Amino acid sequence: MLLPVDDQSAKDEEAALLAKIAQQDQTALAKLYDRYAQVLYAVAFKIVGTVEEAEEVVLDVFHQVWKTAQRYDVKRGRVDTWLFMLTRSRSLDRLRALERIAQAAALTKTLPTQPLTIDPEEDVLIGERRARVLAALSQIPPAQRQVLEMAYYKGLTHVEIAAQTGERLGTVKTRIRLGLSKLRQILGTWE
């Protein structure tokens, strides 16, 4: 629901909601979410182009609102304008990250595979498992695939992944957990 520009009471109400959010009032955050989530999702979807990524953007935006509401200055602009700018910024960041993931995936596919053992049967089994895992990885969201590859192929810690991707540590941990869960589901259906 977008507000008319001249509706001062609505602007005041939203500023009051942000003041309550700054005091960690979850009900106020829920009201702001209910008011703007759909339209912010539409903006994010238009930029990133996928449902999952747009949902992540909206969650990131409201997480940022929760963390930074105390810094919002009503004199600098309207709440809806601030939310749209946050959504645009997060969406563009996500789009850039997706492009980096696609480039990394393209490099991974071009790497030569060498036998790990001298036993041909074991080499075949390892090759089959590798193919299954790569196929399963291609079925999970790119952001989750990126952190899994960084953790398991590059051996990076969660903190190092957060630093390299520019994401929060909690986001990295959540993506790893969700990615592993989805991989288990996919690989479990192949057995």
N, C-alpha and C. Protein backbone atom coordinates (compact mmCIF):
# COMPACT_ATOMS: atom_id res chain seq x y z
N MET A 1 0.84 -1.17 0.00
CA MET A 1 0.00 0.00 0.00
C MET A 1 0.88 1.24 0.00
N LEU A 2 0.90 2.00 -1.07
CA LEU A 2 1.67 3.22 -1.15
C LEU A 2 0.84 4.37 -0.61
N LEU A 3 1.52 5.30 0.05
CA LEU A 3 0.82 6.39 0.68
C LEU A 3 0.85 7.63 -0.20
N PRO A 4 -0.20 8.45 -0.16
CA PRO A 4 -0.16 9.71 -0.89
C PRO A 4 0.94 10.59 -0.32
N VAL A 5 1.58 11.36 -1.19
CA VAL A 5 2.70 12.19 -0.78
C VAL A 5 2.29 13.20 0.28
N ASP A 6 1.06 13.73 0.21
CA ASP A 6 0.63 14.78 1.12
C ASP A 6 -0.01 14.25 2.40
N ASP A 7 -0.01 12.99 2.63
CA ASP A 7 -0.65 12.40 3.80
C ASP A 7 0.31 12.45 4.98
N GLN A 8 0.31 13.57 5.69
CA GLN A 8 1.23 13.79 6.81
C GLN A 8 1.00 12.80 7.95
N SER A 9 -0.25 12.45 8.22
CA SER A 9 -0.52 11.53 9.33
C SER A 9 0.07 10.14 9.04
N ALA A 10 0.02 9.72 7.77
CA ALA A 10 0.62 8.43 7.41
C ALA A 10 2.13 8.48 7.56
N LYS A 11 2.74 9.60 7.17
CA LYS A 11 4.20 9.75 7.33
C LYS A 11 4.57 9.71 8.80
N ASP A 12 3.78 10.40 9.62
CA ASP A 12 4.04 10.43 11.06
C ASP A 12 3.90 9.03 11.66
N GLU A 13 2.87 8.30 11.19
CA GLU A 13 2.65 6.94 11.69
C GLU A 13 3.85 6.03 11.36
N GLU A 14 4.36 6.15 10.15
CA GLU A 14 5.51 5.33 9.75
C GLU A 14 6.77 5.72 10.51
N ALA A 15 6.95 7.01 10.74
CA ALA A 15 8.09 7.46 11.54
C ALA A 15 7.98 6.92 12.96
N ALA A 16 6.76 6.89 13.49
CA ALA A 16 6.54 6.33 14.83
C ALA A 16 6.83 4.83 14.84
N LEU A 17 6.45 4.13 13.75
CA LEU A 17 6.76 2.70 13.66
C LEU A 17 8.28 2.48 13.70
N LEU A 18 9.02 3.30 12.97
CA LEU A 18 10.48 3.15 12.97
C LEU A 18 11.07 3.46 14.33
N ALA A 19 10.50 4.42 15.04
CA ALA A 19 10.98 4.72 16.39
C ALA A 19 10.76 3.51 17.30
N LYS A 20 9.61 2.85 17.15
CA LYS A 20 9.34 1.64 17.95
C LYS A 20 10.26 0.49 17.54
N ILE A 21 10.52 0.37 16.23
CA ILE A 21 11.44 -0.68 15.76
C ILE A 21 12.83 -0.44 16.34
N ALA A 22 13.23 0.82 16.43
CA ALA A 22 14.54 1.16 17.01
C ALA A 22 14.62 0.70 18.46
N GLN A 23 13.46 0.58 19.11
CA GLN A 23 13.40 0.09 20.49
C GLN A 23 13.15 -1.41 20.54
N GLN A 24 13.34 -2.08 19.34
CA GLN A 24 13.20 -3.53 19.21
C GLN A 24 11.77 -4.02 19.42
N ASP A 25 10.80 -3.25 18.95
CA ASP A 25 9.40 -3.62 19.00
C ASP A 25 9.07 -4.47 17.77
N GLN A 26 8.88 -5.77 17.98
CA GLN A 26 8.62 -6.68 16.87
C GLN A 26 7.27 -6.45 16.22
N THR A 27 6.30 -6.00 16.99
CA THR A 27 4.98 -5.72 16.44
C THR A 27 5.05 -4.58 15.42
N ALA A 28 5.85 -3.58 15.73
CA ALA A 28 6.01 -2.46 14.80
C ALA A 28 6.68 -2.92 13.51
N LEU A 29 7.68 -3.80 13.65
CA LEU A 29 8.34 -4.34 12.46
C LEU A 29 7.35 -5.14 11.62
N ALA A 30 6.52 -5.93 12.28
CA ALA A 30 5.52 -6.73 11.57
C ALA A 30 4.54 -5.83 10.82
N LYS A 31 4.13 -4.71 11.42
CA LYS A 31 3.22 -3.78 10.75
C LYS A 31 3.90 -3.16 9.52
N LEU A 32 5.15 -2.76 9.67
CA LEU A 32 5.87 -2.19 8.53
C LEU A 32 6.06 -3.23 7.43
N TYR A 33 6.37 -4.46 7.85
CA TYR A 33 6.53 -5.56 6.89
C TYR A 33 5.22 -5.80 6.12
N ASP A 34 4.12 -5.88 6.85
CA ASP A 34 2.83 -6.12 6.21
C ASP A 34 2.48 -5.00 5.22
N ARG A 35 2.87 -3.80 5.56
CA ARG A 35 2.55 -2.66 4.71
C ARG A 35 3.38 -2.64 3.42
N TYR A 36 4.65 -3.07 3.48
CA TYR A 36 5.55 -2.88 2.34
C TYR A 36 6.15 -4.14 1.71
N ALA A 37 6.03 -5.28 2.33
CA ALA A 37 6.72 -6.47 1.82
C ALA A 37 6.37 -6.79 0.37
N GLN A 38 5.09 -6.72 0.02
CA GLN A 38 4.69 -7.09 -1.34
C GLN A 38 5.28 -6.16 -2.40
N VAL A 39 5.21 -4.87 -2.15
CA VAL A 39 5.71 -3.94 -3.15
C VAL A 39 7.25 -3.99 -3.22
N LEU A 40 7.91 -4.20 -2.09
CA LEU A 40 9.37 -4.33 -2.10
C LEU A 40 9.78 -5.62 -2.80
N TYR A 41 8.99 -6.66 -2.60
CA TYR A 41 9.25 -7.92 -3.30
C TYR A 41 9.16 -7.70 -4.82
N ALA A 42 8.16 -6.96 -5.26
CA ALA A 42 7.99 -6.69 -6.70
C ALA A 42 9.19 -5.93 -7.26
N VAL A 43 9.69 -4.96 -6.51
CA VAL A 43 10.87 -4.21 -6.94
C VAL A 43 12.07 -5.13 -7.03
N ALA A 44 12.27 -5.93 -5.99
CA ALA A 44 13.42 -6.85 -5.96
C ALA A 44 13.32 -7.87 -7.08
N PHE A 45 12.14 -8.42 -7.30
CA PHE A 45 11.96 -9.42 -8.35
C PHE A 45 12.27 -8.83 -9.72
N LYS A 46 11.86 -7.60 -9.94
CA LYS A 46 12.13 -6.94 -11.22
C LYS A 46 13.64 -6.83 -11.47
N ILE A 47 14.42 -6.66 -10.41
CA ILE A 47 15.88 -6.51 -10.55
C ILE A 47 16.58 -7.85 -10.62
N VAL A 48 16.29 -8.76 -9.66
CA VAL A 48 17.04 -10.03 -9.59
C VAL A 48 16.44 -11.14 -10.43
N GLY A 49 15.15 -11.09 -10.69
CA GLY A 49 14.55 -12.01 -11.64
C GLY A 49 14.16 -13.39 -11.14
N THR A 50 14.39 -13.70 -9.86
CA THR A 50 13.95 -15.00 -9.35
C THR A 50 13.20 -14.82 -8.03
N VAL A 51 12.27 -15.72 -7.78
CA VAL A 51 11.46 -15.66 -6.56
C VAL A 51 12.35 -15.78 -5.33
N GLU A 52 13.25 -16.77 -5.32
CA GLU A 52 14.07 -17.01 -4.13
C GLU A 52 14.96 -15.82 -3.81
N GLU A 53 15.58 -15.26 -4.83
CA GLU A 53 16.48 -14.13 -4.60
C GLU A 53 15.70 -12.90 -4.16
N ALA A 54 14.53 -12.68 -4.75
CA ALA A 54 13.70 -11.53 -4.36
C ALA A 54 13.25 -11.67 -2.90
N GLU A 55 12.89 -12.89 -2.50
CA GLU A 55 12.50 -13.12 -1.10
C GLU A 55 13.67 -12.85 -0.17
N GLU A 56 14.86 -13.29 -0.55
CA GLU A 56 16.05 -13.03 0.27
C GLU A 56 16.32 -11.54 0.39
N VAL A 57 16.13 -10.81 -0.70
CA VAL A 57 16.35 -9.36 -0.67
C VAL A 57 15.40 -8.71 0.33
N VAL A 58 14.12 -9.07 0.27
CA VAL A 58 13.13 -8.48 1.18
C VAL A 58 13.49 -8.81 2.62
N LEU A 59 13.88 -10.04 2.88
CA LEU A 59 14.29 -10.40 4.24
C LEU A 59 15.51 -9.61 4.68
N ASP A 60 16.47 -9.44 3.78
CA ASP A 60 17.66 -8.64 4.09
C ASP A 60 17.30 -7.20 4.40
N VAL A 61 16.37 -6.64 3.63
CA VAL A 61 15.96 -5.26 3.84
C VAL A 61 15.34 -5.10 5.23
N PHE A 62 14.43 -5.99 5.59
CA PHE A 62 13.78 -5.84 6.89
C PHE A 62 14.73 -6.19 8.04
N HIS A 63 15.70 -7.03 7.78
CA HIS A 63 16.74 -7.27 8.79
C HIS A 63 17.55 -5.99 8.99
N GLN A 64 17.87 -5.32 7.90
CA GLN A 64 18.61 -4.07 7.99
C GLN A 64 17.77 -3.00 8.69
N VAL A 65 16.48 -2.95 8.40
CA VAL A 65 15.60 -2.00 9.09
C VAL A 65 15.64 -2.27 10.59
N TRP A 66 15.57 -3.53 10.97
CA TRP A 66 15.59 -3.91 12.39
C TRP A 66 16.89 -3.44 13.05
N LYS A 67 18.00 -3.60 12.33
CA LYS A 67 19.30 -3.25 12.90
C LYS A 67 19.60 -1.75 12.87
N THR A 68 19.04 -1.02 11.90
CA THR A 68 19.45 0.38 11.72
C THR A 68 18.31 1.38 11.89
N ALA A 69 17.19 0.98 12.39
CA ALA A 69 16.04 1.89 12.53
C ALA A 69 16.38 3.10 13.38
N GLN A 70 17.25 2.94 14.35
CA GLN A 70 17.59 4.07 15.23
C GLN A 70 18.33 5.17 14.48
N ARG A 71 18.92 4.85 13.32
CA ARG A 71 19.65 5.86 12.54
C ARG A 71 18.77 6.55 11.50
N TYR A 72 17.55 6.09 11.35
CA TYR A 72 16.65 6.73 10.38
C TYR A 72 16.32 8.14 10.85
N ASP A 73 16.44 9.09 9.94
CA ASP A 73 16.16 10.48 10.24
C ASP A 73 14.96 10.92 9.41
N VAL A 74 13.86 11.21 10.06
CA VAL A 74 12.61 11.57 9.39
C VAL A 74 12.79 12.84 8.55
N LYS A 75 13.75 13.68 8.90
CA LYS A 75 13.97 14.92 8.16
C LYS A 75 14.63 14.67 6.81
N ARG A 76 15.29 13.55 6.65
CA ARG A 76 16.03 13.28 5.41
C ARG A 76 15.16 12.65 4.33
N GLY A 77 14.01 12.12 4.68
CA GLY A 77 13.17 11.51 3.66
C GLY A 77 12.07 10.65 4.25
N ARG A 78 11.19 10.23 3.38
CA ARG A 78 10.06 9.39 3.79
C ARG A 78 10.51 7.96 4.03
N VAL A 79 9.76 7.25 4.84
CA VAL A 79 10.06 5.86 5.16
C VAL A 79 9.99 4.99 3.91
N ASP A 80 8.95 5.19 3.09
CA ASP A 80 8.82 4.35 1.90
C ASP A 80 9.99 4.58 0.94
N THR A 81 10.44 5.81 0.82
CA THR A 81 11.59 6.11 -0.05
C THR A 81 12.83 5.39 0.47
N TRP A 82 13.02 5.43 1.77
CA TRP A 82 14.17 4.76 2.40
C TRP A 82 14.11 3.25 2.13
N LEU A 83 12.93 2.67 2.29
CA LEU A 83 12.76 1.23 2.06
C LEU A 83 13.03 0.86 0.60
N PHE A 84 12.55 1.69 -0.32
CA PHE A 84 12.80 1.42 -1.74
C PHE A 84 14.29 1.52 -2.08
N MET A 85 14.96 2.48 -1.49
CA MET A 85 16.40 2.62 -1.74
C MET A 85 17.17 1.43 -1.17
N LEU A 86 16.78 0.99 0.02
CA LEU A 86 17.41 -0.20 0.60
C LEU A 86 17.18 -1.41 -0.29
N THR A 87 15.97 -1.55 -0.79
CA THR A 87 15.63 -2.70 -1.64
C THR A 87 16.41 -2.65 -2.94
N ARG A 88 16.48 -1.50 -3.54
CA ARG A 88 17.24 -1.37 -4.78
C ARG A 88 18.71 -1.71 -4.55
N SER A 89 19.27 -1.16 -3.50
CA SER A 89 20.68 -1.40 -3.20
C SER A 89 20.95 -2.89 -2.93
N ARG A 90 20.12 -3.49 -2.11
CA ARG A 90 20.28 -4.93 -1.80
C ARG A 90 20.09 -5.79 -3.04
N SER A 91 19.15 -5.41 -3.89
CA SER A 91 18.90 -6.18 -5.12
C SER A 91 20.10 -6.11 -6.06
N LEU A 92 20.65 -4.93 -6.21
CA LEU A 92 21.83 -4.78 -7.08
C LEU A 92 23.03 -5.54 -6.51
N ASP A 93 23.19 -5.50 -5.18
CA ASP A 93 24.26 -6.27 -4.55
C ASP A 93 24.07 -7.77 -4.83
N ARG A 94 22.84 -8.22 -4.70
CA ARG A 94 22.53 -9.64 -4.92
C ARG A 94 22.78 -10.00 -6.38
N LEU A 95 22.42 -9.12 -7.30
CA LEU A 95 22.64 -9.36 -8.72
C LEU A 95 24.13 -9.48 -9.03
N ARG A 96 24.93 -8.60 -8.45
CA ARG A 96 26.39 -8.68 -8.63
C ARG A 96 26.93 -10.00 -8.06
N ALA A 97 26.43 -10.39 -6.91
CA ALA A 97 26.88 -11.65 -6.30
C ALA A 97 26.51 -12.84 -7.19
N LEU A 98 25.32 -12.81 -7.77
CA LEU A 98 24.89 -13.89 -8.66
C LEU A 98 25.80 -13.97 -9.88
N GLU A 99 26.21 -12.82 -10.39
CA GLU A 99 27.12 -12.81 -11.53
C GLU A 99 28.47 -13.42 -11.15
N ARG A 100 28.96 -13.09 -9.95
CA ARG A 100 30.23 -13.69 -9.48
C ARG A 100 30.10 -15.20 -9.32
N ILE A 101 28.95 -15.64 -8.82
CA ILE A 101 28.71 -17.08 -8.65
C ILE A 101 28.70 -17.77 -10.00
N ALA A 102 28.05 -17.16 -10.98
CA ALA A 102 27.98 -17.75 -12.33
C ALA A 102 29.38 -17.85 -12.93
N GLN A 103 30.19 -16.83 -12.73
CA GLN A 103 31.56 -16.87 -13.25
C GLN A 103 32.37 -17.96 -12.56
N ALA A 104 32.21 -18.09 -11.25
CA ALA A 104 32.93 -19.13 -10.51
C ALA A 104 32.47 -20.52 -10.95
N ALA A 105 31.17 -20.68 -11.19
CA ALA A 105 30.65 -21.97 -11.63
C ALA A 105 31.21 -22.33 -13.00
N ALA A 106 31.32 -21.34 -13.87
CA ALA A 106 31.87 -21.59 -15.20
C ALA A 106 33.33 -22.03 -15.10
N LEU A 107 34.07 -21.43 -14.19
CA LEU A 107 35.48 -21.83 -13.99
C LEU A 107 35.57 -23.24 -13.42
N THR A 108 34.66 -23.57 -12.49
CA THR A 108 34.67 -24.89 -11.88
C THR A 108 34.43 -25.98 -12.92
N LYS A 109 33.56 -25.72 -13.88
CA LYS A 109 33.24 -26.71 -14.90
C LYS A 109 34.40 -26.96 -15.85
N THR A 110 35.29 -25.98 -15.99
CA THR A 110 36.40 -26.13 -16.92
C THR A 110 37.63 -26.78 -16.29
N LEU A 111 37.60 -26.98 -14.97
CA LEU A 111 38.74 -27.60 -14.31
C LEU A 111 38.86 -29.07 -14.72
N PRO A 112 40.07 -29.52 -15.03
CA PRO A 112 40.24 -30.93 -15.40
C PRO A 112 40.07 -31.83 -14.18
N THR A 113 39.53 -33.01 -14.42
CA THR A 113 39.40 -33.98 -13.35
C THR A 113 40.47 -35.04 -13.51
N GLN A 114 41.17 -35.30 -12.45
CA GLN A 114 42.24 -36.29 -12.48
C GLN A 114 41.85 -37.44 -11.55
N PRO A 115 42.26 -38.64 -11.88
CA PRO A 115 41.97 -39.77 -10.99
C PRO A 115 42.62 -39.55 -9.63
N LEU A 116 41.88 -39.91 -8.58
CA LEU A 116 42.40 -39.75 -7.24
C LEU A 116 43.11 -40.99 -6.73
N THR A 117 42.83 -42.12 -7.31
CA THR A 117 43.40 -43.37 -6.83
C THR A 117 43.98 -44.15 -8.00
N ILE A 118 44.59 -45.25 -7.66
CA ILE A 118 45.13 -46.14 -8.68
C ILE A 118 44.11 -47.20 -9.06
N ASP A 119 43.14 -47.44 -8.21
CA ASP A 119 42.11 -48.46 -8.42
C ASP A 119 41.04 -47.93 -9.38
N PRO A 120 40.89 -48.52 -10.58
CA PRO A 120 39.91 -48.03 -11.56
C PRO A 120 38.47 -48.09 -11.06
N GLU A 121 38.11 -49.13 -10.30
CA GLU A 121 36.74 -49.23 -9.79
C GLU A 121 36.43 -48.08 -8.83
N GLU A 122 37.38 -47.81 -7.97
CA GLU A 122 37.18 -46.72 -7.02
C GLU A 122 37.10 -45.38 -7.76
N ASP A 123 37.91 -45.23 -8.80
CA ASP A 123 37.86 -44.01 -9.60
C ASP A 123 36.47 -43.82 -10.22
N VAL A 124 35.88 -44.90 -10.70
CA VAL A 124 34.55 -44.83 -11.29
C VAL A 124 33.53 -44.43 -10.23
N LEU A 125 33.59 -45.05 -9.05
CA LEU A 125 32.65 -44.71 -7.97
C LEU A 125 32.80 -43.25 -7.55
N ILE A 126 34.03 -42.79 -7.42
CA ILE A 126 34.28 -41.40 -7.03
C ILE A 126 33.75 -40.46 -8.12
N GLY A 127 33.98 -40.82 -9.37
CA GLY A 127 33.49 -40.00 -10.48
C GLY A 127 31.98 -39.90 -10.49
N GLU A 128 31.31 -41.04 -10.21
CA GLU A 128 29.84 -41.04 -10.17
C GLU A 128 29.33 -40.17 -9.03
N ARG A 129 29.97 -40.29 -7.86
CA ARG A 129 29.55 -39.47 -6.72
C ARG A 129 29.76 -37.99 -7.01
N ARG A 130 30.89 -37.69 -7.62
CA ARG A 130 31.20 -36.30 -7.97
C ARG A 130 30.13 -35.75 -8.91
N ALA A 131 29.76 -36.52 -9.91
CA ALA A 131 28.75 -36.08 -10.88
C ALA A 131 27.40 -35.86 -10.19
N ARG A 132 27.05 -36.75 -9.25
CA ARG A 132 25.79 -36.60 -8.51
C ARG A 132 25.78 -35.34 -7.67
N VAL A 133 26.91 -35.09 -6.99
CA VAL A 133 27.00 -33.91 -6.13
C VAL A 133 26.95 -32.64 -6.98
N LEU A 134 27.67 -32.61 -8.10
CA LEU A 134 27.63 -31.43 -8.97
C LEU A 134 26.24 -31.20 -9.53
N ALA A 135 25.55 -32.27 -9.90
CA ALA A 135 24.18 -32.13 -10.40
C ALA A 135 23.26 -31.61 -9.30
N ALA A 136 23.44 -32.10 -8.08
CA ALA A 136 22.62 -31.64 -6.96
C ALA A 136 22.93 -30.17 -6.65
N LEU A 137 24.19 -29.81 -6.70
CA LEU A 137 24.57 -28.41 -6.45
C LEU A 137 23.92 -27.47 -7.46
N SER A 138 23.77 -27.92 -8.68
CA SER A 138 23.18 -27.06 -9.70
C SER A 138 21.69 -26.82 -9.46
N GLN A 139 21.08 -27.59 -8.55
CA GLN A 139 19.65 -27.46 -8.29
C GLN A 139 19.31 -26.58 -7.10
N ILE A 140 20.33 -26.13 -6.37
CA ILE A 140 20.05 -25.27 -5.21
C ILE A 140 20.27 -23.81 -5.61
N PRO A 141 19.70 -22.87 -4.85
CA PRO A 141 19.86 -21.45 -5.19
C PRO A 141 21.34 -21.05 -5.26
N PRO A 142 21.68 -20.17 -6.18
CA PRO A 142 23.08 -19.79 -6.39
C PRO A 142 23.79 -19.26 -5.13
N ALA A 143 23.09 -18.50 -4.31
CA ALA A 143 23.73 -17.95 -3.11
C ALA A 143 24.13 -19.07 -2.15
N GLN A 144 23.29 -20.10 -2.03
CA GLN A 144 23.61 -21.23 -1.16
C GLN A 144 24.74 -22.05 -1.77
N ARG A 145 24.70 -22.23 -3.08
CA ARG A 145 25.76 -22.99 -3.76
C ARG A 145 27.11 -22.29 -3.57
N GLN A 146 27.12 -20.96 -3.68
CA GLN A 146 28.36 -20.22 -3.55
C GLN A 146 29.02 -20.46 -2.18
N VAL A 147 28.25 -20.33 -1.09
CA VAL A 147 28.85 -20.49 0.23
C VAL A 147 29.27 -21.93 0.48
N LEU A 148 28.51 -22.90 -0.05
CA LEU A 148 28.91 -24.30 0.10
C LEU A 148 30.22 -24.58 -0.63
N GLU A 149 30.35 -24.05 -1.85
CA GLU A 149 31.58 -24.26 -2.60
C GLU A 149 32.77 -23.60 -1.91
N MET A 150 32.54 -22.41 -1.34
CA MET A 150 33.62 -21.73 -0.64
C MET A 150 34.04 -22.49 0.61
N ALA A 151 33.05 -23.06 1.30
CA ALA A 151 33.34 -23.79 2.53
C ALA A 151 33.98 -25.15 2.26
N TYR A 152 33.43 -25.90 1.30
CA TYR A 152 33.87 -27.28 1.11
C TYR A 152 34.91 -27.47 0.02
N TYR A 153 34.92 -26.61 -0.99
CA TYR A 153 35.92 -26.76 -2.04
C TYR A 153 37.16 -25.90 -1.78
N LYS A 154 36.92 -24.72 -1.19
CA LYS A 154 38.05 -23.82 -0.92
C LYS A 154 38.52 -23.90 0.52
N GLY A 155 37.74 -24.55 1.38
CA GLY A 155 38.14 -24.74 2.78
C GLY A 155 38.08 -23.47 3.62
N LEU A 156 37.24 -22.51 3.23
CA LEU A 156 37.14 -21.26 3.98
C LEU A 156 36.24 -21.42 5.20
N THR A 157 36.54 -20.66 6.24
CA THR A 157 35.69 -20.65 7.42
C THR A 157 34.48 -19.76 7.15
N HIS A 158 33.50 -19.84 8.03
CA HIS A 158 32.31 -19.01 7.87
C HIS A 158 32.67 -17.53 7.90
N VAL A 159 33.58 -17.16 8.78
CA VAL A 159 34.01 -15.76 8.89
C VAL A 159 34.70 -15.31 7.60
N GLU A 160 35.55 -16.16 7.04
CA GLU A 160 36.23 -15.82 5.79
C GLU A 160 35.24 -15.69 4.64
N ILE A 161 34.24 -16.56 4.61
CA ILE A 161 33.21 -16.49 3.57
C ILE A 161 32.44 -15.18 3.69
N ALA A 162 32.07 -14.83 4.93
CA ALA A 162 31.34 -13.57 5.15
C ALA A 162 32.17 -12.38 4.67
N ALA A 163 33.46 -12.40 4.96
CA ALA A 163 34.33 -11.30 4.54
C ALA A 163 34.44 -11.22 3.02
N GLN A 164 34.58 -12.36 2.37
CA GLN A 164 34.74 -12.37 0.90
C GLN A 164 33.45 -12.02 0.16
N THR A 165 32.31 -12.44 0.69
CA THR A 165 31.05 -12.18 0.00
C THR A 165 30.41 -10.86 0.41
N GLY A 166 30.84 -10.31 1.54
CA GLY A 166 30.23 -9.07 2.02
C GLY A 166 28.91 -9.30 2.73
N GLU A 167 28.60 -10.56 3.00
CA GLU A 167 27.35 -10.90 3.71
C GLU A 167 27.62 -10.99 5.20
N ARG A 168 26.54 -10.90 5.99
CA ARG A 168 26.68 -11.06 7.44
C ARG A 168 26.96 -12.52 7.77
N LEU A 169 27.65 -12.73 8.89
CA LEU A 169 28.02 -14.08 9.32
C LEU A 169 26.78 -14.95 9.49
N GLY A 170 25.73 -14.41 10.08
CA GLY A 170 24.49 -15.18 10.26
C GLY A 170 23.88 -15.60 8.94
N THR A 171 23.95 -14.73 7.94
CA THR A 171 23.43 -15.04 6.61
C THR A 171 24.22 -16.19 6.00
N VAL A 172 25.55 -16.13 6.14
CA VAL A 172 26.41 -17.20 5.60
C VAL A 172 26.07 -18.53 6.26
N LYS A 173 25.95 -18.53 7.57
CA LYS A 173 25.63 -19.78 8.29
C LYS A 173 24.27 -20.33 7.89
N THR A 174 23.30 -19.44 7.74
CA THR A 174 21.95 -19.88 7.34
C THR A 174 21.98 -20.47 5.94
N ARG A 175 22.69 -19.83 5.03
CA ARG A 175 22.76 -20.34 3.66
C ARG A 175 23.45 -21.69 3.61
N ILE A 176 24.50 -21.88 4.40
CA ILE A 176 25.18 -23.17 4.43
C ILE A 176 24.23 -24.24 4.96
N ARG A 177 23.53 -23.92 6.04
CA ARG A 177 22.60 -24.89 6.63
C ARG A 177 21.48 -25.24 5.65
N LEU A 178 20.89 -24.22 5.04
CA LEU A 178 19.81 -24.47 4.08
C LEU A 178 20.32 -25.23 2.85
N GLY A 179 21.50 -24.86 2.37
CA GLY A 179 22.08 -25.54 1.21
C GLY A 179 22.34 -27.01 1.48
N LEU A 180 22.91 -27.30 2.65
CA LEU A 180 23.18 -28.70 3.01
C LEU A 180 21.88 -29.48 3.14
N SER A 181 20.87 -28.84 3.71
CA SER A 181 19.58 -29.51 3.86
C SER A 181 18.98 -29.84 2.49
N LYS A 182 19.05 -28.89 1.56
CA LYS A 182 18.52 -29.13 0.22
C LYS A 182 19.34 -30.20 -0.50
N LEU A 183 20.65 -30.19 -0.33
CA LEU A 183 21.48 -31.23 -0.94
C LEU A 183 21.11 -32.61 -0.41
N ARG A 184 20.88 -32.70 0.90
CA ARG A 184 20.47 -33.98 1.49
C ARG A 184 19.16 -34.46 0.87
N GLN A 185 18.23 -33.53 0.71
CA GLN A 185 16.95 -33.89 0.11
C GLN A 185 17.14 -34.39 -1.33
N ILE A 186 17.90 -33.66 -2.10
CA ILE A 186 18.10 -34.02 -3.52
C ILE A 186 18.85 -35.33 -3.63
N LEU A 187 19.94 -35.47 -2.89
CA LEU A 187 20.74 -36.69 -2.98
C LEU A 187 19.98 -37.89 -2.39
N GLY A 188 19.13 -37.63 -1.42
CA GLY A 188 18.34 -38.71 -0.83
C GLY A 188 17.31 -39.27 -1.79
N THR A 189 16.81 -38.43 -2.70
CA THR A 189 15.80 -38.91 -3.66
C THR A 189 16.44 -39.73 -4.77
N TRP A 190 17.78 -39.68 -4.92
CA TRP A 190 18.47 -40.42 -5.96
C TRP A 190 18.86 -41.83 -5.52
N GLU A 191 18.72 -42.10 -4.25
CA GLU A 191 19.17 -43.41 -3.76
C GLU A 191 18.11 -44.48 -3.92
